[in-house]
Amino acid sequence: MEHPFIGKLDDISTQELSEKTNELYQKLRIAMSSGNGHLCNQIKMAISTYEAKYQERIRQENGNDDSDYQNNVDIS
């Protein structure tokens, strides 16, 4: 699930996505130690958004874009 308050991440470099994810994990540790469950959920949602964009970017950079196979159905 993507965080609703995070805008488009297209202009952010892959390195910046990685750094932001690491920063959010540090904030998550602090939120977990303070026992703030609602804040933890918000941070986890933000992490999910940044990680999804990071994975998408890595697939594109490596030439493993699965867009050619989106209409195929696995029947095995």
C-alpha atoms as a PDB file:
ATOM      1  CA  MET A   1       0.000   0.000   0.000  1.00  0.00           C
ATOM      2  CA  GLU A   2       1.360   3.374  -0.925  1.00  0.00           C
ATOM      3  CA  HIS A   3       1.414   6.283   1.451  1.00  0.00           C
ATOM      4  CA  PRO A   4      -1.158   8.868   0.303  1.00  0.00           C
ATOM      5  CA  PHE A   5       0.968  11.905   1.204  1.00  0.00           C
ATOM      6  CA  ILE A   6       4.084  10.934  -0.741  1.00  0.00           C
ATOM      7  CA  GLY A   7       4.111  12.585  -4.130  1.00  0.00           C
ATOM      8  CA  LYS A   8       5.647  11.332  -7.329  1.00  0.00           C
ATOM      9  CA  LEU A   9       9.057   9.788  -6.865  1.00  0.00           C
ATOM     10  CA  ASP A  10      10.079   9.936 -10.519  1.00  0.00           C
ATOM     11  CA  ASP A  11      12.479  12.856 -10.000  1.00  0.00           C
ATOM     12  CA  ILE A  12      14.381  11.180  -7.151  1.00  0.00           C
ATOM     13  CA  SER A  13      17.542   9.219  -7.946  1.00  0.00           C
ATOM     14  CA  THR A  14      17.950   5.564  -7.004  1.00  0.00           C
ATOM     15  CA  GLN A  15      20.569   6.542  -4.415  1.00  0.00           C
ATOM     16  CA  GLU A  16      18.202   9.065  -2.828  1.00  0.00           C
ATOM     17  CA  LEU A  17      15.453   6.414  -2.672  1.00  0.00           C
ATOM     18  CA  SER A  18      17.836   4.100  -0.839  1.00  0.00           C
ATOM     19  CA  GLU A  19      18.922   6.826   1.582  1.00  0.00           C
ATOM     20  CA  LYS A  20      15.333   7.817   2.316  1.00  0.00           C
ATOM     21  CA  THR A  21      14.403   4.197   2.998  1.00  0.00           C
ATOM     22  CA  ASN A  22      17.311   3.848   5.441  1.00  0.00           C
ATOM     23  CA  GLU A  23      16.271   7.078   7.154  1.00  0.00           C
ATOM     24  CA  LEU A  24      12.703   5.808   7.508  1.00  0.00           C
ATOM     25  CA  TYR A  25      13.927   2.539   9.048  1.00  0.00           C
ATOM     26  CA  GLN A  26      15.797   4.566  11.682  1.00  0.00           C
ATOM     27  CA  LYS A  27      12.643   6.546  12.409  1.00  0.00           C
ATOM     28  CA  LEU A  28      10.660   3.307  12.607  1.00  0.00           C
ATOM     29  CA  ARG A  29      13.019   1.973  15.276  1.00  0.00           C
ATOM     30  CA  ILE A  30      12.483   5.126  17.318  1.00  0.00           C
ATOM     31  CA  ALA A  31       8.698   4.937  16.899  1.00  0.00           C
ATOM     32  CA  MET A  32       8.678   1.268  17.883  1.00  0.00           C
ATOM     33  CA  SER A  33      10.739   1.918  20.997  1.00  0.00           C
ATOM     34  CA  SER A  34       8.324   4.657  22.050  1.00  0.00           C
ATOM     35  CA  GLY A  35       5.336   2.359  21.538  1.00  0.00           C
ATOM     36  CA  ASN A  36       3.557   4.612  19.057  1.00  0.00           C
ATOM     37  CA  GLY A  37       1.692   2.054  16.928  1.00  0.00           C
ATOM     38  CA  HIS A  38      -0.078   4.553  14.693  1.00  0.00           C
ATOM     39  CA  LEU A  39       3.183   6.274  13.791  1.00  0.00           C
ATOM     40  CA  CYS A  40       4.774   2.879  13.099  1.00  0.00           C
ATOM     41  CA  ASN A  41       2.002   2.075  10.633  1.00  0.00           C
ATOM     42  CA  GLN A  42       2.486   5.387   8.830  1.00  0.00           C
ATOM     43  CA  ILE A  43       6.242   4.887   8.589  1.00  0.00           C
ATOM     44  CA  LYS A  44       5.808   1.301   7.363  1.00  0.00           C
ATOM     45  CA  MET A  45       3.483   2.546   4.652  1.00  0.00           C
ATOM     46  CA  ALA A  46       6.043   5.172   3.607  1.00  0.00           C
ATOM     47  CA  ILE A  47       8.815   2.553   3.579  1.00  0.00           C
ATOM     48  CA  SER A  48       6.667   0.350   1.376  1.00  0.00           C
ATOM     49  CA  THR A  49       6.167   3.209  -1.081  1.00  0.00           C
ATOM     50  CA  TYR A  50       9.871   4.028  -1.308  1.00  0.00           C
ATOM     51  CA  GLU A  51      10.907   0.367  -1.554  1.00  0.00           C
ATOM     52  CA  ALA A  52       8.404  -0.328  -4.341  1.00  0.00           C
ATOM     53  CA  LYS A  53       9.740   2.605  -6.349  1.00  0.00           C
ATOM     54  CA  TYR A  54      13.318   1.489  -5.653  1.00  0.00           C
ATOM     55  CA  GLN A  55      12.597  -2.048  -6.876  1.00  0.00           C
ATOM     56  CA  GLU A  56      10.856  -0.697  -9.970  1.00  0.00           C
ATOM     57  CA  ARG A  57      13.836   1.539 -10.705  1.00  0.00           C
ATOM     58  CA  ILE A  58      16.306  -1.351 -10.254  1.00  0.00           C
ATOM     59  CA  ARG A  59      14.296  -3.555 -12.635  1.00  0.00           C
ATOM     60  CA  GLN A  60      14.284  -0.788 -15.238  1.00  0.00           C
ATOM     61  CA  GLU A  61      18.019  -0.147 -14.870  1.00  0.00           C
ATOM     62  CA  ASN A  62      18.795  -3.849 -15.248  1.00  0.00           C
ATOM     63  CA  GLY A  63      16.524  -4.243 -18.253  1.00  0.00           C
ATOM     64  CA  ASN A  64      14.187  -6.619 -16.426  1.00  0.00           C
ATOM     65  CA  ASP A  65      11.044  -4.612 -16.999  1.00  0.00           C
ATOM     66  CA  ASP A  66       8.122  -7.056 -16.841  1.00  0.00           C
ATOM     67  CA  SER A  67       5.755  -4.797 -18.774  1.00  0.00           C
ATOM     68  CA  ASP A  68       6.043  -7.096 -21.826  1.00  0.00           C
ATOM     69  CA  TYR A  69       4.541  -9.929 -19.802  1.00  0.00           C
ATOM     70  CA  GLN A  70       1.673  -8.217 -18.005  1.00  0.00           C
ATOM     71  CA  ASN A  71      -0.968  -9.642 -20.345  1.00  0.00           C
ATOM     72  CA  ASN A  72       0.296 -13.245 -20.128  1.00  0.00           C
ATOM     73  CA  VAL A  73      -1.363 -15.827 -17.935  1.00  0.00           C
ATOM     74  CA  ASP A  74       0.652 -18.653 -16.352  1.00  0.00           C
ATOM     75  CA  ILE A  75      -1.246 -21.910 -16.961  1.00  0.00           C
ATOM     76  CA  SER A  76       1.285 -24.303 -15.477  1.00  0.00           C
END
